[in-house]
N, C-alpha and C. Protein backbone atom coordinates (compact mmCIF):
# COMPACT_ATOMS: atom_id res chain seq x y z
N MET A 1 -10.61 33.25 -17.35
CA MET A 1 -9.31 32.61 -17.45
C MET A 1 -9.31 31.31 -16.65
N TYR A 2 -9.87 31.36 -15.44
CA TYR A 2 -9.91 30.20 -14.57
C TYR A 2 -10.73 29.08 -15.21
N ARG A 3 -11.88 29.43 -15.85
CA ARG A 3 -12.72 28.42 -16.50
C ARG A 3 -11.99 27.77 -17.68
N VAL A 4 -11.24 28.53 -18.43
CA VAL A 4 -10.48 27.97 -19.55
C VAL A 4 -9.47 26.96 -19.02
N GLY A 5 -8.83 27.30 -17.91
CA GLY A 5 -7.87 26.38 -17.30
C GLY A 5 -8.54 25.10 -16.85
N LEU A 6 -9.73 25.20 -16.24
CA LEU A 6 -10.47 24.00 -15.82
C LEU A 6 -10.88 23.17 -17.02
N LEU A 7 -11.34 23.82 -18.08
CA LEU A 7 -11.75 23.11 -19.28
C LEU A 7 -10.55 22.37 -19.89
N ALA A 8 -9.42 23.02 -19.97
CA ALA A 8 -8.22 22.39 -20.52
C ALA A 8 -7.81 21.20 -19.67
N THR A 9 -7.88 21.35 -18.35
CA THR A 9 -7.52 20.24 -17.46
C THR A 9 -8.51 19.09 -17.63
N ALA A 10 -9.80 19.39 -17.72
CA ALA A 10 -10.81 18.36 -17.89
C ALA A 10 -10.61 17.61 -19.20
N LEU A 11 -10.32 18.32 -20.27
CA LEU A 11 -10.08 17.68 -21.56
C LEU A 11 -8.83 16.81 -21.52
N ALA A 12 -7.80 17.28 -20.85
CA ALA A 12 -6.56 16.51 -20.75
C ALA A 12 -6.80 15.21 -19.99
N VAL A 13 -7.61 15.24 -18.95
CA VAL A 13 -7.91 14.05 -18.17
C VAL A 13 -8.82 13.11 -18.96
N ALA A 14 -9.78 13.67 -19.70
CA ALA A 14 -10.75 12.86 -20.43
C ALA A 14 -10.17 12.26 -21.70
N THR A 15 -9.12 12.86 -22.27
CA THR A 15 -8.52 12.37 -23.51
C THR A 15 -7.31 11.52 -23.18
N PRO A 16 -7.38 10.21 -23.40
CA PRO A 16 -6.24 9.36 -23.07
C PRO A 16 -5.06 9.63 -23.99
N ALA A 17 -3.90 9.50 -23.44
CA ALA A 17 -2.68 9.63 -24.23
C ALA A 17 -2.39 8.28 -24.87
N LEU A 18 -2.94 8.07 -26.06
CA LEU A 18 -2.88 6.76 -26.70
C LEU A 18 -1.46 6.23 -26.87
N ALA A 19 -0.53 7.11 -27.12
CA ALA A 19 0.84 6.66 -27.34
C ALA A 19 1.45 6.07 -26.07
N ASP A 20 0.87 6.38 -24.92
CA ASP A 20 1.41 5.89 -23.66
C ASP A 20 0.63 4.71 -23.09
N GLU A 21 -0.38 4.24 -23.81
CA GLU A 21 -1.17 3.12 -23.32
C GLU A 21 -0.50 1.80 -23.68
N PRO A 22 -0.71 0.78 -22.86
CA PRO A 22 -0.20 -0.55 -23.23
C PRO A 22 -0.76 -0.98 -24.58
N CYS A 23 0.03 -1.72 -25.30
CA CYS A 23 -0.37 -2.17 -26.63
C CYS A 23 -0.51 -3.68 -26.61
N ARG A 24 -1.73 -4.16 -26.83
CA ARG A 24 -2.01 -5.58 -26.91
C ARG A 24 -2.95 -5.80 -28.08
N ALA A 25 -2.50 -6.62 -29.01
CA ALA A 25 -3.31 -6.87 -30.20
C ALA A 25 -3.01 -8.25 -30.75
N ARG A 26 -3.98 -8.81 -31.45
CA ARG A 26 -3.81 -10.15 -32.04
C ARG A 26 -4.59 -10.20 -33.34
N ALA A 27 -4.00 -10.87 -34.33
CA ALA A 27 -4.68 -11.13 -35.60
C ALA A 27 -4.32 -12.54 -36.03
N SER A 28 -5.26 -13.24 -36.63
CA SER A 28 -4.97 -14.57 -37.16
C SER A 28 -5.73 -14.76 -38.46
N MET A 29 -5.18 -15.62 -39.31
CA MET A 29 -5.80 -15.91 -40.60
C MET A 29 -5.57 -17.37 -40.93
N ALA A 30 -6.51 -17.91 -41.66
CA ALA A 30 -6.36 -19.28 -42.15
C ALA A 30 -5.25 -19.30 -43.20
N TRP A 31 -4.40 -20.30 -43.12
CA TRP A 31 -3.38 -20.51 -44.14
C TRP A 31 -3.96 -21.57 -45.06
N ALA A 32 -4.86 -21.15 -45.93
CA ALA A 32 -5.66 -22.06 -46.75
C ALA A 32 -4.81 -22.97 -47.61
N ARG A 33 -3.76 -22.46 -48.18
CA ARG A 33 -2.91 -23.28 -49.06
C ARG A 33 -2.25 -24.43 -48.28
N ALA A 34 -2.06 -24.24 -46.99
CA ALA A 34 -1.44 -25.28 -46.16
C ALA A 34 -2.42 -26.42 -45.85
N GLY A 35 -3.71 -26.13 -45.91
CA GLY A 35 -4.72 -27.15 -45.63
C GLY A 35 -5.67 -26.67 -44.54
N ALA A 36 -6.77 -27.37 -44.41
CA ALA A 36 -7.80 -27.00 -43.44
C ALA A 36 -7.23 -26.96 -42.03
N GLY A 37 -7.50 -25.88 -41.33
CA GLY A 37 -7.12 -25.76 -39.93
C GLY A 37 -5.79 -25.09 -39.65
N TYR A 38 -4.93 -24.94 -40.64
CA TYR A 38 -3.66 -24.25 -40.40
C TYR A 38 -3.91 -22.76 -40.26
N LEU A 39 -3.26 -22.16 -39.28
CA LEU A 39 -3.41 -20.72 -39.02
C LEU A 39 -2.05 -20.06 -38.94
N VAL A 40 -2.02 -18.79 -39.35
CA VAL A 40 -0.88 -17.93 -39.07
C VAL A 40 -1.43 -16.81 -38.19
N GLU A 41 -0.65 -16.42 -37.20
CA GLU A 41 -1.11 -15.34 -36.33
C GLU A 41 0.04 -14.44 -35.95
N ALA A 42 -0.33 -13.25 -35.56
CA ALA A 42 0.64 -12.26 -35.07
C ALA A 42 0.05 -11.65 -33.81
N VAL A 43 0.87 -11.56 -32.78
CA VAL A 43 0.45 -11.02 -31.50
C VAL A 43 1.44 -9.93 -31.11
N ALA A 44 0.92 -8.76 -30.75
CA ALA A 44 1.77 -7.65 -30.30
C ALA A 44 1.49 -7.40 -28.83
N ASP A 45 2.56 -7.13 -28.09
CA ASP A 45 2.42 -6.83 -26.68
C ASP A 45 3.57 -5.92 -26.25
N GLY A 46 3.24 -4.87 -25.51
CA GLY A 46 4.28 -3.98 -25.02
C GLY A 46 3.69 -2.82 -24.24
N PRO A 47 4.55 -2.03 -23.61
CA PRO A 47 4.07 -0.89 -22.84
C PRO A 47 3.46 0.18 -23.74
N THR A 48 3.90 0.24 -25.00
CA THR A 48 3.31 1.08 -26.05
C THR A 48 3.42 0.27 -27.33
N CYS A 49 2.75 0.72 -28.38
CA CYS A 49 2.85 0.00 -29.65
C CYS A 49 4.24 0.15 -30.26
N GLN A 50 4.88 1.28 -30.07
CA GLN A 50 6.24 1.47 -30.60
C GLN A 50 7.24 0.57 -29.87
N LYS A 51 6.99 0.25 -28.61
CA LYS A 51 7.91 -0.56 -27.81
C LYS A 51 7.45 -2.00 -27.66
N ALA A 52 6.50 -2.41 -28.48
CA ALA A 52 5.97 -3.77 -28.41
C ALA A 52 6.87 -4.76 -29.12
N VAL A 53 6.66 -6.02 -28.81
CA VAL A 53 7.23 -7.11 -29.59
C VAL A 53 6.08 -7.74 -30.37
N ILE A 54 6.41 -8.28 -31.53
CA ILE A 54 5.42 -8.95 -32.36
C ILE A 54 5.86 -10.40 -32.49
N VAL A 55 4.99 -11.30 -32.06
CA VAL A 55 5.25 -12.73 -32.15
C VAL A 55 4.47 -13.28 -33.34
N HIS A 56 5.17 -13.92 -34.26
CA HIS A 56 4.54 -14.60 -35.39
C HIS A 56 4.45 -16.08 -35.02
N VAL A 57 3.31 -16.70 -35.29
CA VAL A 57 3.10 -18.11 -34.94
C VAL A 57 2.40 -18.81 -36.11
N VAL A 58 2.83 -20.04 -36.38
CA VAL A 58 2.11 -20.92 -37.30
C VAL A 58 1.56 -22.05 -36.45
N ARG A 59 0.25 -22.30 -36.58
CA ARG A 59 -0.41 -23.36 -35.82
C ARG A 59 -0.97 -24.42 -36.76
N ARG A 60 -0.82 -25.66 -36.35
CA ARG A 60 -1.40 -26.76 -37.12
C ARG A 60 -2.89 -26.88 -36.75
N PRO A 61 -3.64 -27.73 -37.44
CA PRO A 61 -5.09 -27.82 -37.21
C PRO A 61 -5.51 -28.10 -35.77
N ASP A 62 -4.70 -28.80 -34.98
CA ASP A 62 -5.09 -29.05 -33.59
C ASP A 62 -4.76 -27.88 -32.66
N GLY A 63 -4.27 -26.79 -33.22
CA GLY A 63 -3.96 -25.60 -32.44
C GLY A 63 -2.54 -25.51 -31.91
N ALA A 64 -1.80 -26.61 -32.01
CA ALA A 64 -0.42 -26.60 -31.51
C ALA A 64 0.47 -25.74 -32.40
N PRO A 65 1.34 -24.95 -31.80
CA PRO A 65 2.28 -24.15 -32.60
C PRO A 65 3.35 -25.06 -33.20
N VAL A 66 3.67 -24.82 -34.47
CA VAL A 66 4.74 -25.58 -35.12
C VAL A 66 5.92 -24.69 -35.47
N TRP A 67 5.76 -23.37 -35.28
CA TRP A 67 6.85 -22.44 -35.55
C TRP A 67 6.48 -21.10 -34.92
N SER A 68 7.49 -20.36 -34.45
CA SER A 68 7.27 -19.01 -33.96
C SER A 68 8.55 -18.20 -34.06
N ASP A 69 8.40 -16.89 -34.08
CA ASP A 69 9.53 -15.97 -34.10
C ASP A 69 9.05 -14.64 -33.55
N VAL A 70 9.98 -13.87 -33.03
CA VAL A 70 9.65 -12.57 -32.43
C VAL A 70 10.44 -11.48 -33.16
N VAL A 71 9.75 -10.39 -33.48
CA VAL A 71 10.41 -9.20 -34.04
C VAL A 71 9.99 -8.00 -33.21
N LEU A 72 10.78 -6.98 -33.25
CA LEU A 72 10.45 -5.74 -32.54
C LEU A 72 9.53 -4.90 -33.40
N ALA A 73 8.53 -4.31 -32.79
CA ALA A 73 7.60 -3.44 -33.53
C ALA A 73 8.35 -2.29 -34.18
N GLU A 74 9.39 -1.80 -33.54
CA GLU A 74 10.13 -0.68 -34.12
C GLU A 74 10.84 -1.09 -35.42
N TRP A 75 11.10 -2.39 -35.61
CA TRP A 75 11.64 -2.86 -36.89
C TRP A 75 10.56 -2.82 -37.96
N ARG A 76 9.36 -3.26 -37.59
CA ARG A 76 8.25 -3.32 -38.54
C ARG A 76 7.71 -1.93 -38.85
N PHE A 77 7.70 -1.09 -37.85
CA PHE A 77 7.16 0.26 -37.99
C PHE A 77 8.21 1.27 -37.52
N PRO A 78 9.31 1.45 -38.24
CA PRO A 78 10.40 2.29 -37.75
C PRO A 78 10.02 3.76 -37.59
N ASP A 79 9.08 4.24 -38.38
CA ASP A 79 8.74 5.66 -38.32
C ASP A 79 7.36 5.95 -37.77
N ASP A 80 6.45 5.02 -37.95
CA ASP A 80 5.06 5.34 -37.62
C ASP A 80 4.33 4.11 -37.10
N ALA A 81 4.57 3.74 -35.86
CA ALA A 81 3.89 2.59 -35.26
C ALA A 81 2.42 2.92 -35.03
N PRO A 82 1.56 1.91 -35.12
CA PRO A 82 0.16 2.15 -34.76
C PRO A 82 0.09 2.75 -33.35
N ARG A 83 -0.88 3.62 -33.12
CA ARG A 83 -0.93 4.36 -31.87
C ARG A 83 -1.65 3.62 -30.75
N ASP A 84 -2.46 2.62 -31.07
CA ASP A 84 -3.19 1.91 -30.03
C ASP A 84 -3.43 0.46 -30.45
N GLY A 85 -4.01 -0.31 -29.56
CA GLY A 85 -4.23 -1.72 -29.83
C GLY A 85 -5.12 -1.98 -31.04
N ALA A 86 -6.16 -1.18 -31.22
CA ALA A 86 -7.05 -1.37 -32.37
C ALA A 86 -6.32 -1.13 -33.68
N ALA A 87 -5.53 -0.08 -33.74
CA ALA A 87 -4.74 0.20 -34.95
C ALA A 87 -3.69 -0.88 -35.17
N MET A 88 -3.09 -1.37 -34.09
CA MET A 88 -2.09 -2.43 -34.20
C MET A 88 -2.74 -3.71 -34.72
N GLU A 89 -3.94 -4.02 -34.25
CA GLU A 89 -4.65 -5.22 -34.73
C GLU A 89 -4.85 -5.16 -36.24
N LYS A 90 -5.24 -4.00 -36.76
CA LYS A 90 -5.40 -3.83 -38.20
C LYS A 90 -4.07 -4.00 -38.92
N ALA A 91 -3.01 -3.43 -38.35
CA ALA A 91 -1.68 -3.54 -38.96
C ALA A 91 -1.20 -4.99 -38.97
N LEU A 92 -1.45 -5.72 -37.89
CA LEU A 92 -1.06 -7.13 -37.83
C LEU A 92 -1.82 -7.94 -38.88
N ALA A 93 -3.11 -7.68 -39.01
CA ALA A 93 -3.91 -8.39 -40.00
C ALA A 93 -3.38 -8.12 -41.41
N GLN A 94 -2.99 -6.89 -41.69
CA GLN A 94 -2.44 -6.55 -43.00
C GLN A 94 -1.10 -7.26 -43.22
N MET A 95 -0.28 -7.36 -42.16
CA MET A 95 0.98 -8.09 -42.27
C MET A 95 0.73 -9.54 -42.66
N LEU A 96 -0.27 -10.16 -42.06
CA LEU A 96 -0.59 -11.56 -42.36
C LEU A 96 -1.07 -11.71 -43.81
N VAL A 97 -1.92 -10.79 -44.24
CA VAL A 97 -2.39 -10.82 -45.63
C VAL A 97 -1.20 -10.75 -46.58
N GLU A 98 -0.27 -9.83 -46.32
CA GLU A 98 0.92 -9.70 -47.16
C GLU A 98 1.76 -10.98 -47.12
N GLY A 99 1.88 -11.59 -45.94
CA GLY A 99 2.65 -12.82 -45.80
C GLY A 99 2.06 -14.01 -46.52
N LEU A 100 0.75 -14.00 -46.69
CA LEU A 100 0.08 -15.09 -47.40
C LEU A 100 0.07 -14.86 -48.91
N ARG A 101 0.29 -13.62 -49.34
CA ARG A 101 0.25 -13.29 -50.77
C ARG A 101 1.63 -13.15 -51.40
N SER A 102 2.63 -12.82 -50.62
CA SER A 102 3.96 -12.50 -51.14
C SER A 102 4.51 -13.61 -52.03
N ILE A 103 4.77 -14.73 -51.44
CA ILE A 103 5.23 -15.93 -52.14
C ILE A 103 4.33 -17.04 -51.62
N THR A 104 3.64 -17.72 -52.49
CA THR A 104 2.66 -18.70 -52.01
C THR A 104 3.17 -20.13 -52.03
N GLY A 105 4.17 -20.40 -52.88
CA GLY A 105 4.66 -21.77 -52.97
C GLY A 105 6.17 -21.82 -53.07
N SER A 106 6.75 -22.92 -52.59
CA SER A 106 8.21 -23.05 -52.57
C SER A 106 8.80 -23.10 -53.98
N GLU A 107 7.98 -23.41 -54.98
CA GLU A 107 8.48 -23.39 -56.36
C GLU A 107 8.89 -21.98 -56.79
N GLN A 108 8.47 -20.96 -56.03
CA GLN A 108 8.84 -19.59 -56.33
C GLN A 108 10.22 -19.21 -55.78
N LEU A 109 10.81 -20.10 -54.99
CA LEU A 109 12.18 -19.85 -54.54
C LEU A 109 13.10 -19.93 -55.76
N PRO A 110 14.13 -19.11 -55.80
CA PRO A 110 15.04 -19.20 -56.95
C PRO A 110 15.89 -20.47 -56.87
N GLU A 111 16.24 -20.99 -58.02
CA GLU A 111 17.12 -22.15 -58.04
C GLU A 111 18.49 -21.74 -57.49
N TRP A 112 19.03 -22.59 -56.64
CA TRP A 112 20.38 -22.37 -56.10
C TRP A 112 21.32 -23.16 -57.00
N LYS A 113 21.99 -22.46 -57.88
CA LYS A 113 22.82 -23.10 -58.90
C LYS A 113 24.16 -23.56 -58.35
N GLN A 114 24.69 -24.58 -58.98
CA GLN A 114 26.02 -25.11 -58.64
C GLN A 114 27.03 -23.96 -58.68
N GLY A 115 27.87 -23.89 -57.66
CA GLY A 115 28.91 -22.88 -57.61
C GLY A 115 28.51 -21.58 -56.93
N GLU A 116 27.21 -21.37 -56.72
CA GLU A 116 26.78 -20.16 -56.03
C GLU A 116 26.99 -20.34 -54.53
N GLU A 117 27.49 -19.33 -53.91
CA GLU A 117 27.72 -19.33 -52.46
C GLU A 117 27.09 -18.09 -51.86
N GLY A 118 26.55 -18.23 -50.66
CA GLY A 118 26.02 -17.05 -49.95
C GLY A 118 24.77 -16.51 -50.60
N ALA A 119 24.86 -15.31 -51.12
CA ALA A 119 23.70 -14.61 -51.67
C ALA A 119 23.33 -15.13 -53.05
N LEU A 120 22.04 -15.32 -53.26
CA LEU A 120 21.51 -15.68 -54.58
C LEU A 120 20.87 -14.43 -55.15
N ARG A 121 21.51 -13.81 -56.08
CA ARG A 121 20.98 -12.56 -56.66
C ARG A 121 20.08 -12.90 -57.85
N ARG A 122 18.83 -12.41 -57.76
CA ARG A 122 17.87 -12.59 -58.83
C ARG A 122 17.22 -11.23 -59.07
N GLY A 123 17.67 -10.52 -60.09
CA GLY A 123 17.18 -9.17 -60.34
C GLY A 123 17.60 -8.27 -59.19
N ASP A 124 16.66 -7.53 -58.66
CA ASP A 124 16.93 -6.63 -57.53
C ASP A 124 16.82 -7.33 -56.18
N THR A 125 16.38 -8.59 -56.18
CA THR A 125 16.16 -9.32 -54.93
C THR A 125 17.37 -10.19 -54.62
N VAL A 126 17.79 -10.17 -53.37
CA VAL A 126 18.88 -11.02 -52.91
C VAL A 126 18.29 -12.02 -51.91
N TRP A 127 18.54 -13.31 -52.15
CA TRP A 127 18.04 -14.40 -51.33
C TRP A 127 19.19 -14.99 -50.52
N TYR A 128 18.89 -15.40 -49.30
CA TYR A 128 19.87 -16.05 -48.42
C TYR A 128 19.24 -17.30 -47.82
N ALA A 129 19.99 -18.39 -47.80
CA ALA A 129 19.52 -19.62 -47.16
C ALA A 129 19.70 -19.47 -45.65
N GLU A 130 18.79 -20.07 -44.91
CA GLU A 130 18.91 -20.10 -43.45
C GLU A 130 20.13 -20.94 -43.07
N THR A 131 20.75 -20.60 -41.97
CA THR A 131 21.88 -21.38 -41.49
C THR A 131 21.48 -22.85 -41.38
N GLY A 132 22.30 -23.72 -41.96
CA GLY A 132 22.01 -25.15 -41.94
C GLY A 132 21.26 -25.65 -43.16
N VAL A 133 20.70 -24.75 -43.97
CA VAL A 133 20.01 -25.16 -45.19
C VAL A 133 21.04 -25.12 -46.32
N GLU A 134 21.38 -26.29 -46.80
CA GLU A 134 22.37 -26.43 -47.88
C GLU A 134 21.68 -26.38 -49.24
N ARG A 135 22.50 -26.29 -50.28
CA ARG A 135 22.00 -26.18 -51.65
C ARG A 135 21.01 -27.31 -52.00
N ALA A 136 21.34 -28.54 -51.69
CA ALA A 136 20.47 -29.68 -52.03
C ALA A 136 19.12 -29.56 -51.32
N ALA A 137 19.12 -29.18 -50.05
CA ALA A 137 17.88 -29.04 -49.29
C ALA A 137 17.04 -27.87 -49.83
N TRP A 138 17.70 -26.76 -50.15
CA TRP A 138 17.00 -25.60 -50.72
C TRP A 138 16.29 -25.99 -52.01
N ASN A 139 17.04 -26.63 -52.91
CA ASN A 139 16.45 -27.01 -54.20
C ASN A 139 15.38 -28.09 -54.04
N ALA A 140 15.52 -28.96 -53.05
CA ALA A 140 14.48 -29.97 -52.78
C ALA A 140 13.19 -29.29 -52.31
N LEU A 141 13.32 -28.29 -51.45
CA LEU A 141 12.14 -27.53 -51.02
C LEU A 141 11.48 -26.86 -52.23
N ARG A 142 12.30 -26.31 -53.08
CA ARG A 142 11.80 -25.63 -54.27
C ARG A 142 11.02 -26.61 -55.16
N MET A 143 11.58 -27.78 -55.37
CA MET A 143 10.94 -28.77 -56.25
C MET A 143 9.70 -29.40 -55.62
N ALA A 144 9.60 -29.38 -54.31
CA ALA A 144 8.46 -29.99 -53.60
C ALA A 144 7.16 -29.22 -53.79
N LYS A 145 7.26 -27.95 -54.19
CA LYS A 145 6.07 -27.11 -54.43
C LYS A 145 5.14 -27.11 -53.22
N ARG A 146 5.70 -26.76 -52.06
CA ARG A 146 4.97 -26.75 -50.80
C ARG A 146 4.48 -25.34 -50.47
N PRO A 147 3.46 -25.21 -49.62
CA PRO A 147 2.96 -23.90 -49.21
C PRO A 147 4.03 -23.08 -48.48
N VAL A 148 4.00 -21.76 -48.72
CA VAL A 148 4.96 -20.83 -48.12
C VAL A 148 4.21 -19.71 -47.42
N PHE A 149 4.75 -19.28 -46.30
CA PHE A 149 4.30 -18.08 -45.59
C PHE A 149 5.54 -17.22 -45.39
N THR A 150 5.41 -15.92 -45.64
CA THR A 150 6.53 -15.00 -45.43
C THR A 150 6.18 -13.99 -44.35
N TYR A 151 7.21 -13.47 -43.68
CA TYR A 151 6.99 -12.49 -42.63
C TYR A 151 8.19 -11.55 -42.55
N LEU A 152 7.95 -10.34 -42.12
CA LEU A 152 9.03 -9.38 -41.95
C LEU A 152 9.81 -9.76 -40.72
N GLN A 153 11.08 -10.17 -40.91
CA GLN A 153 11.88 -10.63 -39.79
C GLN A 153 12.84 -9.57 -39.28
N GLY A 154 13.03 -8.52 -40.02
CA GLY A 154 13.92 -7.42 -39.63
C GLY A 154 13.42 -6.15 -40.26
N THR A 155 14.27 -5.16 -40.32
CA THR A 155 13.82 -3.89 -40.89
C THR A 155 13.54 -4.00 -42.38
N GLU A 156 14.24 -4.87 -43.08
CA GLU A 156 14.04 -4.99 -44.53
C GLU A 156 14.00 -6.43 -45.03
N SER A 157 14.32 -7.40 -44.21
CA SER A 157 14.39 -8.78 -44.70
C SER A 157 13.10 -9.54 -44.43
N ILE A 158 12.74 -10.38 -45.40
CA ILE A 158 11.50 -11.15 -45.36
C ILE A 158 11.84 -12.63 -45.17
N GLY A 159 11.41 -13.21 -44.04
CA GLY A 159 11.63 -14.62 -43.76
C GLY A 159 10.71 -15.48 -44.60
N VAL A 160 11.19 -16.66 -45.00
CA VAL A 160 10.43 -17.57 -45.85
C VAL A 160 10.26 -18.91 -45.13
N LEU A 161 9.00 -19.26 -44.82
CA LEU A 161 8.67 -20.52 -44.15
C LEU A 161 8.02 -21.46 -45.14
N VAL A 162 8.41 -22.73 -45.09
CA VAL A 162 7.86 -23.74 -45.99
C VAL A 162 7.24 -24.85 -45.14
N LEU A 163 5.99 -25.21 -45.46
CA LEU A 163 5.29 -26.29 -44.77
C LEU A 163 5.69 -27.63 -45.40
N ALA A 164 6.24 -28.52 -44.59
CA ALA A 164 6.65 -29.84 -45.08
C ALA A 164 5.45 -30.79 -45.13
N LEU A 165 5.62 -31.90 -45.81
CA LEU A 165 4.55 -32.90 -45.92
C LEU A 165 4.11 -33.43 -44.56
N ASP A 166 5.04 -33.50 -43.60
CA ASP A 166 4.71 -34.03 -42.28
C ASP A 166 4.07 -33.00 -41.36
N GLY A 167 3.82 -31.79 -41.86
CA GLY A 167 3.19 -30.75 -41.06
C GLY A 167 4.15 -29.87 -40.30
N SER A 168 5.44 -30.15 -40.38
CA SER A 168 6.43 -29.28 -39.73
C SER A 168 6.69 -28.08 -40.64
N VAL A 169 7.30 -27.06 -40.07
CA VAL A 169 7.63 -25.85 -40.83
C VAL A 169 9.13 -25.67 -40.82
N THR A 170 9.69 -25.41 -41.99
CA THR A 170 11.11 -25.15 -42.14
C THR A 170 11.29 -23.70 -42.55
N LYS A 171 12.18 -23.01 -41.87
CA LYS A 171 12.54 -21.68 -42.34
C LYS A 171 13.65 -21.89 -43.36
N ALA A 172 13.29 -21.70 -44.65
CA ALA A 172 14.24 -21.92 -45.73
C ALA A 172 15.31 -20.85 -45.75
N GLY A 173 14.91 -19.63 -45.48
CA GLY A 173 15.84 -18.51 -45.54
C GLY A 173 15.08 -17.20 -45.53
N TYR A 174 15.66 -16.23 -46.22
CA TYR A 174 15.03 -14.92 -46.29
C TYR A 174 15.50 -14.21 -47.55
N PHE A 175 14.78 -13.14 -47.87
CA PHE A 175 15.19 -12.33 -49.02
C PHE A 175 15.09 -10.86 -48.65
N VAL A 176 15.83 -10.06 -49.41
CA VAL A 176 15.81 -8.62 -49.25
C VAL A 176 15.35 -8.04 -50.58
N PRO A 177 14.14 -7.51 -50.62
CA PRO A 177 13.61 -7.00 -51.90
C PRO A 177 14.33 -5.73 -52.33
């Protein structure tokens, strides 16, 4: 009985409690459609992966950030957060892949028609312009056919970033699939 207790104690000490370990992970990918050197990255940091924050960053070719935003890991993973940094790194990389594939160009934004206010309903998807983005600016972004990166900004909403000709990034709005 005593040996079983020692063995159980030894195993408990030797097996880390992954859910209680600090969570630090990073993933980055080339934003090829934006041009050589543009990167999108996601960085997670927190006392655990469930309690981490995820920072999304877009970097221009010289490495300078041109846009960033922070979301809570519990929004991205409400039921099943990655258990450790290695799993979080894989999850972040998958998020970036999805963000580069979801909508690739601003021409995929729906037309904001005269008389429409607030939500733009297109099938099952509802689109919203970012505060300060008016109908003319939205439609100009759409017609410019510029590179787009999307990211999960909340529990269900997907943020839409558009790369301008001058290398700046505009958050056009978001959609709820």
